[in-house]
Amino acid sequence: MYLEIVSPEAILFSSDVDSVVLPGVNGEFQILENHASIVSILKSGTIKIHTHSQSHLVLDDLHGEIVPHIDDDKILTIKISSGTIEMNNNKIIVLAD
């Protein structure tokens, strides 16, 4: 499954992932491979990116926003203030503020 996180300034993350946990307006939710198509609004919170390995090849983190999780370096986290998500055909696009 492919994840891309885009902010107004830059593409913050662009890589294959195992899963992603997002802060939805009705609570946190997780997206796994082959999830049904979805469009949703995100609220302020933390996105947790579960990666295949410790190496993150395509990561343009200009402001130090994406950090490894304290307990597991295969999980990356990024705080957002709001955003939207679209999942379709195993591609997730997050437009984040």
PDB file of N, CA and C in Angstrom:
ATOM      1  N   MET A   1       0.852  -1.161   0.000  1.00  0.00           N
ATOM      2  CA  MET A   1       0.000   0.000   0.000  1.00  0.00           C
ATOM      3  C   MET A   1       0.907   1.236   0.000  1.00  0.00           C
ATOM      4  N   TYR A   2       0.501   2.241  -0.750  1.00  0.00           N
ATOM      5  CA  TYR A   2       1.333   3.429  -0.923  1.00  0.00           C
ATOM      6  C   TYR A   2       0.718   4.611  -0.172  1.00  0.00           C
ATOM      7  N   LEU A   3       1.534   5.336   0.576  1.00  0.00           N
ATOM      8  CA  LEU A   3       1.082   6.486   1.352  1.00  0.00           C
ATOM      9  C   LEU A   3       1.853   7.729   0.928  1.00  0.00           C
ATOM     10  N   GLU A   4       1.103   8.807   0.735  1.00  0.00           N
ATOM     11  CA  GLU A   4       1.717  10.104   0.464  1.00  0.00           C
ATOM     12  C   GLU A   4       1.078  11.124   1.402  1.00  0.00           C
ATOM     13  N   ILE A   5       1.914  11.842   2.146  1.00  0.00           N
ATOM     14  CA  ILE A   5       1.438  12.909   3.029  1.00  0.00           C
ATOM     15  C   ILE A   5       1.953  14.223   2.467  1.00  0.00           C
ATOM     16  N   VAL A   6       1.007  15.120   2.160  1.00  0.00           N
ATOM     17  CA  VAL A   6       1.337  16.380   1.516  1.00  0.00           C
ATOM     18  C   VAL A   6       0.892  17.529   2.407  1.00  0.00           C
ATOM     19  N   SER A   7       1.771  18.504   2.600  1.00  0.00           N
ATOM     20  CA  SER A   7       1.429  19.732   3.311  1.00  0.00           C
ATOM     21  C   SER A   7       1.467  20.865   2.288  1.00  0.00           C
ATOM     22  N   PRO A   8       1.011  22.050   2.665  1.00  0.00           N
ATOM     23  CA  PRO A   8       1.109  23.174   1.719  1.00  0.00           C
ATOM     24  C   PRO A   8       2.553  23.494   1.319  1.00  0.00           C
ATOM     25  N   GLU A   9       3.528  23.139   2.159  1.00  0.00           N
ATOM     26  CA  GLU A   9       4.919  23.458   1.886  1.00  0.00           C
ATOM     27  C   GLU A   9       5.647  22.402   1.068  1.00  0.00           C
ATOM     28  N   ALA A  10       5.303  21.112   1.257  1.00  0.00           N
ATOM     29  CA  ALA A  10       6.095  20.055   0.629  1.00  0.00           C
ATOM     30  C   ALA A  10       5.407  18.707   0.743  1.00  0.00           C
ATOM     31  N   ILE A  11       5.941  17.733   0.022  1.00  0.00           N
ATOM     32  CA  ILE A  11       5.559  16.337   0.225  1.00  0.00           C
ATOM     33  C   ILE A  11       6.379  15.850   1.410  1.00  0.00           C
ATOM     34  N   LEU A  12       5.716  15.518   2.507  1.00  0.00           N
ATOM     35  CA  LEU A  12       6.421  15.137   3.727  1.00  0.00           C
ATOM     36  C   LEU A  12       6.818  13.670   3.745  1.00  0.00           C
ATOM     37  N   PHE A  13       5.985  12.819   3.132  1.00  0.00           N
ATOM     38  CA  PHE A  13       6.257  11.382   3.156  1.00  0.00           C
ATOM     39  C   PHE A  13       5.681  10.768   1.896  1.00  0.00           C
ATOM     40  N   SER A  14       6.416   9.826   1.309  1.00  0.00           N
ATOM     41  CA  SER A  14       5.966   9.169   0.093  1.00  0.00           C
ATOM     42  C   SER A  14       6.660   7.815   0.007  1.00  0.00           C
ATOM     43  N   SER A  15       5.919   6.735   0.369  1.00  0.00           N
ATOM     44  CA  SER A  15       6.549   5.418   0.397  1.00  0.00           C
ATOM     45  C   SER A  15       5.498   4.331   0.583  1.00  0.00           C
ATOM     46  N   ASP A  16       5.894   3.084   0.352  1.00  0.00           N
ATOM     47  CA  ASP A  16       5.046   1.943   0.668  1.00  0.00           C
ATOM     48  C   ASP A  16       5.019   1.757   2.181  1.00  0.00           C
ATOM     49  N   VAL A  17       3.847   1.385   2.707  1.00  0.00           N
ATOM     50  CA  VAL A  17       3.676   1.186   4.147  1.00  0.00           C
ATOM     51  C   VAL A  17       2.832  -0.064   4.390  1.00  0.00           C
ATOM     52  N   ASP A  18       2.863  -0.556   5.631  1.00  0.00           N
ATOM     53  CA  ASP A  18       2.025  -1.692   6.023  1.00  0.00           C
ATOM     54  C   ASP A  18       0.634  -1.225   6.427  1.00  0.00           C
ATOM     55  N   SER A  19       0.565  -0.136   7.188  1.00  0.00           N
ATOM     56  CA  SER A  19      -0.720   0.416   7.629  1.00  0.00           C
ATOM     57  C   SER A  19      -0.505   1.843   8.102  1.00  0.00           C
ATOM     58  N   VAL A  20      -1.620   2.537   8.316  1.00  0.00           N
ATOM     59  CA  VAL A  20      -1.556   3.909   8.825  1.00  0.00           C
ATOM     60  C   VAL A  20      -2.739   4.121   9.760  1.00  0.00           C
ATOM     61  N   VAL A  21      -2.477   4.790  10.880  1.00  0.00           N
ATOM     62  CA  VAL A  21      -3.516   5.132  11.861  1.00  0.00           C
ATOM     63  C   VAL A  21      -3.694   6.644  11.811  1.00  0.00           C
ATOM     64  N   LEU A  22      -4.964   7.069  11.674  1.00  0.00           N
ATOM     65  CA  LEU A  22      -5.274   8.486  11.435  1.00  0.00           C
ATOM     66  C   LEU A  22      -6.253   9.028  12.468  1.00  0.00           C
ATOM     67  N   PRO A  23      -6.144  10.331  12.791  1.00  0.00           N
ATOM     68  CA  PRO A  23      -7.057  10.955  13.760  1.00  0.00           C
ATOM     69  C   PRO A  23      -8.327  11.480  13.074  1.00  0.00           C
ATOM     70  N   GLY A  24      -9.328  10.635  12.925  1.00  0.00           N
ATOM     71  CA  GLY A  24     -10.581  11.047  12.300  1.00  0.00           C
ATOM     72  C   GLY A  24     -11.424  11.898  13.229  1.00  0.00           C
ATOM     73  N   VAL A  25     -12.382  12.624  12.674  1.00  0.00           N
ATOM     74  CA  VAL A  25     -13.237  13.493  13.488  1.00  0.00           C
ATOM     75  C   VAL A  25     -14.125  12.692  14.432  1.00  0.00           C
ATOM     76  N   ASN A  26     -14.396  11.418  14.112  1.00  0.00           N
ATOM     77  CA  ASN A  26     -15.197  10.562  14.993  1.00  0.00           C
ATOM     78  C   ASN A  26     -14.338   9.562  15.747  1.00  0.00           C
ATOM     79  N   GLY A  27     -13.039   9.791  15.786  1.00  0.00           N
ATOM     80  CA  GLY A  27     -12.125   8.899  16.496  1.00  0.00           C
ATOM     81  C   GLY A  27     -11.030   8.381  15.580  1.00  0.00           C
ATOM     82  N   GLU A  28     -10.029   7.789  16.192  1.00  0.00           N
ATOM     83  CA  GLU A  28      -8.876   7.254  15.473  1.00  0.00           C
ATOM     84  C   GLU A  28      -9.299   6.029  14.661  1.00  0.00           C
ATOM     85  N   PHE A  29      -8.748   5.891  13.432  1.00  0.00           N
ATOM     86  CA  PHE A  29      -9.038   4.710  12.630  1.00  0.00           C
ATOM     87  C   PHE A  29      -7.785   4.274  11.884  1.00  0.00           C
ATOM     88  N   GLN A  30      -7.748   2.980  11.544  1.00  0.00           N
ATOM     89  CA  GLN A  30      -6.589   2.398  10.880  1.00  0.00           C
ATOM     90  C   GLN A  30      -6.977   1.954   9.470  1.00  0.00           C
ATOM     91  N   ILE A  31      -6.048   2.112   8.542  1.00  0.00           N
ATOM     92  CA  ILE A  31      -6.242   1.654   7.178  1.00  0.00           C
ATOM     93  C   ILE A  31      -5.171   0.613   6.877  1.00  0.00           C
ATOM     94  N   LEU A  32      -5.626  -0.551   6.397  1.00  0.00           N
ATOM     95  CA  LEU A  32      -4.736  -1.630   5.994  1.00  0.00           C
ATOM     96  C   LEU A  32      -4.842  -1.829   4.488  1.00  0.00           C
ATOM     97  N   GLU A  33      -3.967  -2.646   3.932  1.00  0.00           N
ATOM     98  CA  GLU A  33      -3.992  -2.926   2.504  1.00  0.00           C
ATOM     99  C   GLU A  33      -5.350  -3.478   2.089  1.00  0.00           C
ATOM    100  N   ASN A  34      -5.801  -3.112   0.913  1.00  0.00           N
ATOM    101  CA  ASN A  34      -7.081  -3.526   0.322  1.00  0.00           C
ATOM    102  C   ASN A  34      -8.292  -2.991   1.070  1.00  0.00           C
ATOM    103  N   HIS A  35      -8.128  -1.915   1.805  1.00  0.00           N
ATOM    104  CA  HIS A  35      -9.246  -1.253   2.486  1.00  0.00           C
ATOM    105  C   HIS A  35     -10.197  -0.698   1.427  1.00  0.00           C
ATOM    106  N   ALA A  36     -11.465  -0.636   1.758  1.00  0.00           N
ATOM    107  CA  ALA A  36     -12.441  -0.035   0.850  1.00  0.00           C
ATOM    108  C   ALA A  36     -12.090   1.425   0.605  1.00  0.00           C
ATOM    109  N   SER A  37     -12.494   1.929  -0.538  1.00  0.00           N
ATOM    110  CA  SER A  37     -12.260   3.342  -0.847  1.00  0.00           C
ATOM    111  C   SER A  37     -12.913   4.216   0.215  1.00  0.00           C
ATOM    112  N   ILE A  38     -12.225   5.298   0.580  1.00  0.00           N
ATOM    113  CA  ILE A  38     -12.722   6.168   1.649  1.00  0.00           C
ATOM    114  C   ILE A  38     -12.215   7.592   1.418  1.00  0.00           C
ATOM    115  N   VAL A  39     -13.051   8.549   1.792  1.00  0.00           N
ATOM    116  CA  VAL A  39     -12.659   9.952   1.876  1.00  0.00           C
ATOM    117  C   VAL A  39     -13.130  10.413   3.243  1.00  0.00           C
ATOM    118  N   SER A  40     -12.246  11.069   4.009  1.00  0.00           N
ATOM    119  CA  SER A  40     -12.604  11.471   5.368  1.00  0.00           C
ATOM    120  C   SER A  40     -11.879  12.750   5.758  1.00  0.00           C
ATOM    121  N   ILE A  41     -12.439  13.431   6.736  1.00  0.00           N
ATOM    122  CA  ILE A  41     -11.830  14.629   7.311  1.00  0.00           C
ATOM    123  C   ILE A  41     -11.038  14.210   8.544  1.00  0.00           C
ATOM    124  N   LEU A  42      -9.880  14.819   8.724  1.00  0.00           N
ATOM    125  CA  LEU A  42      -9.029  14.532   9.875  1.00  0.00           C
ATOM    126  C   LEU A  42      -9.024  15.715  10.827  1.00  0.00           C
ATOM    127  N   LYS A  43      -8.906  15.407  12.118  1.00  0.00           N
ATOM    128  CA  LYS A  43      -8.815  16.463  13.128  1.00  0.00           C
ATOM    129  C   LYS A  43      -7.376  16.532  13.647  1.00  0.00           C
ATOM    130  N   SER A  44      -7.156  17.435  14.555  1.00  0.00           N
ATOM    131  CA  SER A  44      -5.850  17.584  15.171  1.00  0.00           C
ATOM    132  C   SER A  44      -5.462  16.288  15.881  1.00  0.00           C
ATOM    133  N   GLY A  45      -4.237  15.845  15.663  1.00  0.00           N
ATOM    134  CA  GLY A  45      -3.771  14.611  16.296  1.00  0.00           C
ATOM    135  C   GLY A  45      -2.493  14.121  15.654  1.00  0.00           C
ATOM    136  N   THR A  46      -2.238  12.816  15.811  1.00  0.00           N
ATOM    137  CA  THR A  46      -1.010  12.203  15.332  1.00  0.00           C
ATOM    138  C   THR A  46      -1.321  11.104  14.315  1.00  0.00           C
ATOM    139  N   ILE A  47      -0.623  11.151  13.190  1.00  0.00           N
ATOM    140  CA  ILE A  47      -0.678  10.067  12.214  1.00  0.00           C
ATOM    141  C   ILE A  47       0.443   9.100  12.555  1.00  0.00           C
ATOM    142  N   LYS A  48       0.111   7.796  12.632  1.00  0.00           N
ATOM    143  CA  LYS A  48       1.115   6.761  12.901  1.00  0.00           C
ATOM    144  C   LYS A  48       1.276   5.914  11.643  1.00  0.00           C
ATOM    145  N   ILE A  49       2.493   5.896  11.124  1.00  0.00           N
ATOM    146  CA  ILE A  49       2.802   5.188   9.894  1.00  0.00           C
ATOM    147  C   ILE A  49       3.577   3.922  10.239  1.00  0.00           C
ATOM    148  N   HIS A  50       3.002   2.765   9.937  1.00  0.00           N
ATOM    149  CA  HIS A  50       3.659   1.478  10.184  1.00  0.00           C
ATOM    150  C   HIS A  50       4.383   1.078   8.894  1.00  0.00           C
ATOM    151  N   THR A  51       5.715   1.045   8.948  1.00  0.00           N
ATOM    152  CA  THR A  51       6.533   0.796   7.767  1.00  0.00           C
ATOM    153  C   THR A  51       7.035  -0.642   7.731  1.00  0.00           C
ATOM    154  N   HIS A  52       7.558  -1.042   6.557  1.00  0.00           N
ATOM    155  CA  HIS A  52       8.087  -2.388   6.367  1.00  0.00           C
ATOM    156  C   HIS A  52       9.379  -2.607   7.140  1.00  0.00           C
ATOM    157  N   SER A  53      10.191  -1.570   7.211  1.00  0.00           N
ATOM    158  CA  SER A  53      11.516  -1.715   7.817  1.00  0.00           C
ATOM    159  C   SER A  53      11.925  -0.397   8.448  1.00  0.00           C
ATOM    160  N   GLN A  54      13.135  -0.373   8.949  1.00  0.00           N
ATOM    161  CA  GLN A  54      13.641   0.833   9.588  1.00  0.00           C
ATOM    162  C   GLN A  54      14.120   1.865   8.582  1.00  0.00           C
ATOM    163  N   SER A  55      14.368   1.458   7.343  1.00  0.00           N
ATOM    164  CA  SER A  55      14.873   2.415   6.348  1.00  0.00           C
ATOM    165  C   SER A  55      13.702   3.070   5.634  1.00  0.00           C
ATOM    166  N   HIS A  56      13.712   4.377   5.560  1.00  0.00           N
ATOM    167  CA  HIS A  56      12.654   5.151   4.935  1.00  0.00           C
ATOM    168  C   HIS A  56      13.282   5.902   3.769  1.00  0.00           C
ATOM    169  N   LEU A  57      13.068   5.373   2.574  1.00  0.00           N
ATOM    170  CA  LEU A  57      13.811   5.860   1.407  1.00  0.00           C
ATOM    171  C   LEU A  57      13.382   7.240   0.935  1.00  0.00           C
ATOM    172  N   VAL A  58      12.074   7.490   0.874  1.00  0.00           N
ATOM    173  CA  VAL A  58      11.613   8.751   0.312  1.00  0.00           C
ATOM    174  C   VAL A  58      10.976   9.566   1.424  1.00  0.00           C
ATOM    175  N   LEU A  59      11.747  10.400   2.049  1.00  0.00           N
ATOM    176  CA  LEU A  59      11.273  11.169   3.186  1.00  0.00           C
ATOM    177  C   LEU A  59      11.843  12.570   3.100  1.00  0.00           C
ATOM    178  N   ASP A  60      10.980  13.534   2.811  1.00  0.00           N
ATOM    179  CA  ASP A  60      11.412  14.930   2.697  1.00  0.00           C
ATOM    180  C   ASP A  60      10.906  15.672   3.923  1.00  0.00           C
ATOM    181  N   ASP A  61      11.587  15.497   5.032  1.00  0.00           N
ATOM    182  CA  ASP A  61      11.132  16.065   6.289  1.00  0.00           C
ATOM    183  C   ASP A  61      11.912  17.343   6.574  1.00  0.00           C
ATOM    184  N   LEU A  62      11.443  18.431   5.992  1.00  0.00           N
ATOM    185  CA  LEU A  62      12.176  19.690   6.065  1.00  0.00           C
ATOM    186  C   LEU A  62      12.144  20.340   7.438  1.00  0.00           C
ATOM    187  N   HIS A  63      11.145  20.026   8.233  1.00  0.00           N
ATOM    188  CA  HIS A  63      10.962  20.730   9.505  1.00  0.00           C
ATOM    189  C   HIS A  63      11.043  19.803  10.721  1.00  0.00           C
ATOM    190  N   GLY A  64      11.527  18.581  10.566  1.00  0.00           N
ATOM    191  CA  GLY A  64      11.618  17.655  11.683  1.00  0.00           C
ATOM    192  C   GLY A  64      10.268  17.212  12.186  1.00  0.00           C
ATOM    193  N   GLU A  65       9.255  17.200  11.330  1.00  0.00           N
ATOM    194  CA  GLU A  65       7.898  16.875  11.753  1.00  0.00           C
ATOM    195  C   GLU A  65       7.670  15.375  11.901  1.00  0.00           C
ATOM    196  N   ILE A  66       8.342  14.559  11.082  1.00  0.00           N
ATOM    197  CA  ILE A  66       8.153  13.116  11.130  1.00  0.00           C
ATOM    198  C   ILE A  66       9.256  12.513  11.984  1.00  0.00           C
ATOM    199  N   VAL A  67       8.852  11.799  13.028  1.00  0.00           N
ATOM    200  CA  VAL A  67       9.822  11.229  13.960  1.00  0.00           C
ATOM    201  C   VAL A  67       9.504   9.759  14.210  1.00  0.00           C
ATOM    202  N   PRO A  68      10.533   8.949  14.488  1.00  0.00           N
ATOM    203  CA  PRO A  68      10.276   7.553  14.847  1.00  0.00           C
ATOM    204  C   PRO A  68       9.542   7.475  16.188  1.00  0.00           C
ATOM    205  N   HIS A  69       8.677   6.477  16.315  1.00  0.00           N
ATOM    206  CA  HIS A  69       7.953   6.251  17.565  1.00  0.00           C
ATOM    207  C   HIS A  69       8.943   5.882  18.651  1.00  0.00           C
ATOM    208  N   ILE A  70       8.659   6.260  19.884  1.00  0.00           N
ATOM    209  CA  ILE A  70       9.576   6.029  21.009  1.00  0.00           C
ATOM    210  C   ILE A  70       9.861   4.543  21.236  1.00  0.00           C
ATOM    211  N   ASP A  71       8.830   3.676  21.066  1.00  0.00           N
ATOM    212  CA  ASP A  71       8.981   2.253  21.379  1.00  0.00           C
ATOM    213  C   ASP A  71       9.312   1.372  20.181  1.00  0.00           C
ATOM    214  N   ASP A  72       9.102   1.870  18.958  1.00  0.00           N
ATOM    215  CA  ASP A  72       9.272   1.029  17.771  1.00  0.00           C
ATOM    216  C   ASP A  72       9.722   1.896  16.600  1.00  0.00           C
ATOM    217  N   ASP A  73      10.952   1.680  16.120  1.00  0.00           N
ATOM    218  CA  ASP A  73      11.458   2.530  15.043  1.00  0.00           C
ATOM    219  C   ASP A  73      10.911   2.155  13.668  1.00  0.00           C
ATOM    220  N   LYS A  74      10.017   1.164  13.577  1.00  0.00           N
ATOM    221  CA  LYS A  74       9.314   0.875  12.332  1.00  0.00           C
ATOM    222  C   LYS A  74       8.015   1.676  12.236  1.00  0.00           C
ATOM    223  N   ILE A  75       7.740   2.457  13.268  1.00  0.00           N
ATOM    224  CA  ILE A  75       6.558   3.324  13.285  1.00  0.00           C
ATOM    225  C   ILE A  75       7.032   4.774  13.283  1.00  0.00           C
ATOM    226  N   LEU A  76       6.540   5.535  12.303  1.00  0.00           N
ATOM    227  CA  LEU A  76       6.828   6.966  12.241  1.00  0.00           C
ATOM    228  C   LEU A  76       5.584   7.717  12.666  1.00  0.00           C
ATOM    229  N   THR A  77       5.772   8.878  13.285  1.00  0.00           N
ATOM    230  CA  THR A  77       4.632   9.692  13.695  1.00  0.00           C
ATOM    231  C   THR A  77       4.782  11.110  13.165  1.00  0.00           C
ATOM    232  N   ILE A  78       3.644  11.719  12.896  1.00  0.00           N
ATOM    233  CA  ILE A  78       3.625  13.119  12.479  1.00  0.00           C
ATOM    234  C   ILE A  78       2.367  13.761  13.041  1.00  0.00           C
ATOM    235  N   LYS A  79       2.530  14.911  13.654  1.00  0.00           N
ATOM    236  CA  LYS A  79       1.393  15.646  14.219  1.00  0.00           C
ATOM    237  C   LYS A  79       0.798  16.554  13.152  1.00  0.00           C
ATOM    238  N   ILE A  80      -0.543  16.590  13.107  1.00  0.00           N
ATOM    239  CA  ILE A  80      -1.240  17.474  12.174  1.00  0.00           C
ATOM    240  C   ILE A  80      -2.283  18.272  12.942  1.00  0.00           C
ATOM    241  N   SER A  81      -2.679  19.403  12.381  1.00  0.00           N
ATOM    242  CA  SER A  81      -3.734  20.199  13.018  1.00  0.00           C
ATOM    243  C   SER A  81      -5.088  19.931  12.373  1.00  0.00           C
ATOM    244  N   SER A  82      -5.087  19.483  11.118  1.00  0.00           N
ATOM    245  CA  SER A  82      -6.309  19.086  10.416  1.00  0.00           C
ATOM    246  C   SER A  82      -5.896  18.511   9.072  1.00  0.00           C
ATOM    247  N   GLY A  83      -6.878  18.016   8.317  1.00  0.00           N
ATOM    248  CA  GLY A  83      -6.557  17.504   6.995  1.00  0.00           C
ATOM    249  C   GLY A  83      -7.680  16.675   6.414  1.00  0.00           C
ATOM    250  N   THR A  84      -7.396  16.090   5.273  1.00  0.00           N
ATOM    251  CA  THR A  84      -8.317  15.165   4.627  1.00  0.00           C
ATOM    252  C   THR A  84      -7.519  13.969   4.126  1.00  0.00           C
ATOM    253  N   ILE A  85      -8.224  12.851   3.956  1.00  0.00           N
ATOM    254  CA  ILE A  85      -7.598  11.635   3.454  1.00  0.00           C
ATOM    255  C   ILE A  85      -8.460  11.047   2.358  1.00  0.00           C
ATOM    256  N   GLU A  86      -7.782  10.492   1.348  1.00  0.00           N
ATOM    257  CA  GLU A  86      -8.459   9.713   0.323  1.00  0.00           C
ATOM    258  C   GLU A  86      -7.697   8.403   0.160  1.00  0.00           C
ATOM    259  N   MET A  87      -8.443   7.276   0.205  1.00  0.00           N
ATOM    260  CA  MET A  87      -7.855   5.951  -0.022  1.00  0.00           C
ATOM    261  C   MET A  87      -8.588   5.341  -1.201  1.00  0.00           C
ATOM    262  N   ASN A  88      -7.827   4.925  -2.222  1.00  0.00           N
ATOM    263  CA  ASN A  88      -8.424   4.297  -3.389  1.00  0.00           C
ATOM    264  C   ASN A  88      -7.376   3.413  -4.057  1.00  0.00           C
ATOM    265  N   ASN A  89      -7.714   2.164  -4.323  1.00  0.00           N
ATOM    266  CA  ASN A  89      -6.808   1.220  -5.000  1.00  0.00           C
ATOM    267  C   ASN A  89      -5.446   1.120  -4.330  1.00  0.00           C
ATOM    268  N   ASN A  90      -5.457   0.981  -3.012  1.00  0.00           N
ATOM    269  CA  ASN A  90      -4.232   0.833  -2.207  1.00  0.00           C
ATOM    270  C   ASN A  90      -3.291   2.041  -2.287  1.00  0.00           C
ATOM    271  N   LYS A  91      -3.836   3.207  -2.571  1.00  0.00           N
ATOM    272  CA  LYS A  91      -3.048   4.434  -2.519  1.00  0.00           C
ATOM    273  C   LYS A  91      -3.767   5.409  -1.579  1.00  0.00           C
ATOM    274  N   ILE A  92      -3.031   5.883  -0.577  1.00  0.00           N
ATOM    275  CA  ILE A  92      -3.565   6.827   0.399  1.00  0.00           C
ATOM    276  C   ILE A  92      -2.899   8.174   0.168  1.00  0.00           C
ATOM    277  N   ILE A  93      -3.727   9.205   0.052  1.00  0.00           N
ATOM    278  CA  ILE A  93      -3.212  10.577  -0.036  1.00  0.00           C
ATOM    279  C   ILE A  93      -3.771  11.355   1.144  1.00  0.00           C
ATOM    280  N   VAL A  94      -2.881  11.913   1.951  1.00  0.00           N
ATOM    281  CA  VAL A  94      -3.268  12.746   3.085  1.00  0.00           C
ATOM    282  C   VAL A  94      -2.864  14.183   2.775  1.00  0.00           C
ATOM    283  N   LEU A  95      -3.837  15.087   2.799  1.00  0.00           N
ATOM    284  CA  LEU A  95      -3.572  16.512   2.680  1.00  0.00           C
ATOM    285  C   LEU A  95      -3.610  17.071   4.090  1.00  0.00           C
ATOM    286  N   ALA A  96      -2.473  17.432   4.626  1.00  0.00           N
ATOM    287  CA  ALA A  96      -2.365  17.796   6.038  1.00  0.00           C
ATOM    288  C   ALA A  96      -1.972  19.255   6.243  1.00  0.00           C
ATOM    289  N   ASP A  97      -2.509  19.849   7.303  1.00  0.00           N
ATOM    290  CA  ASP A  97      -2.126  21.184   7.739  1.00  0.00           C
ATOM    291  C   ASP A  97      -1.250  21.068   8.965  1.00  0.00           C
TER     292      ASP A  97
END
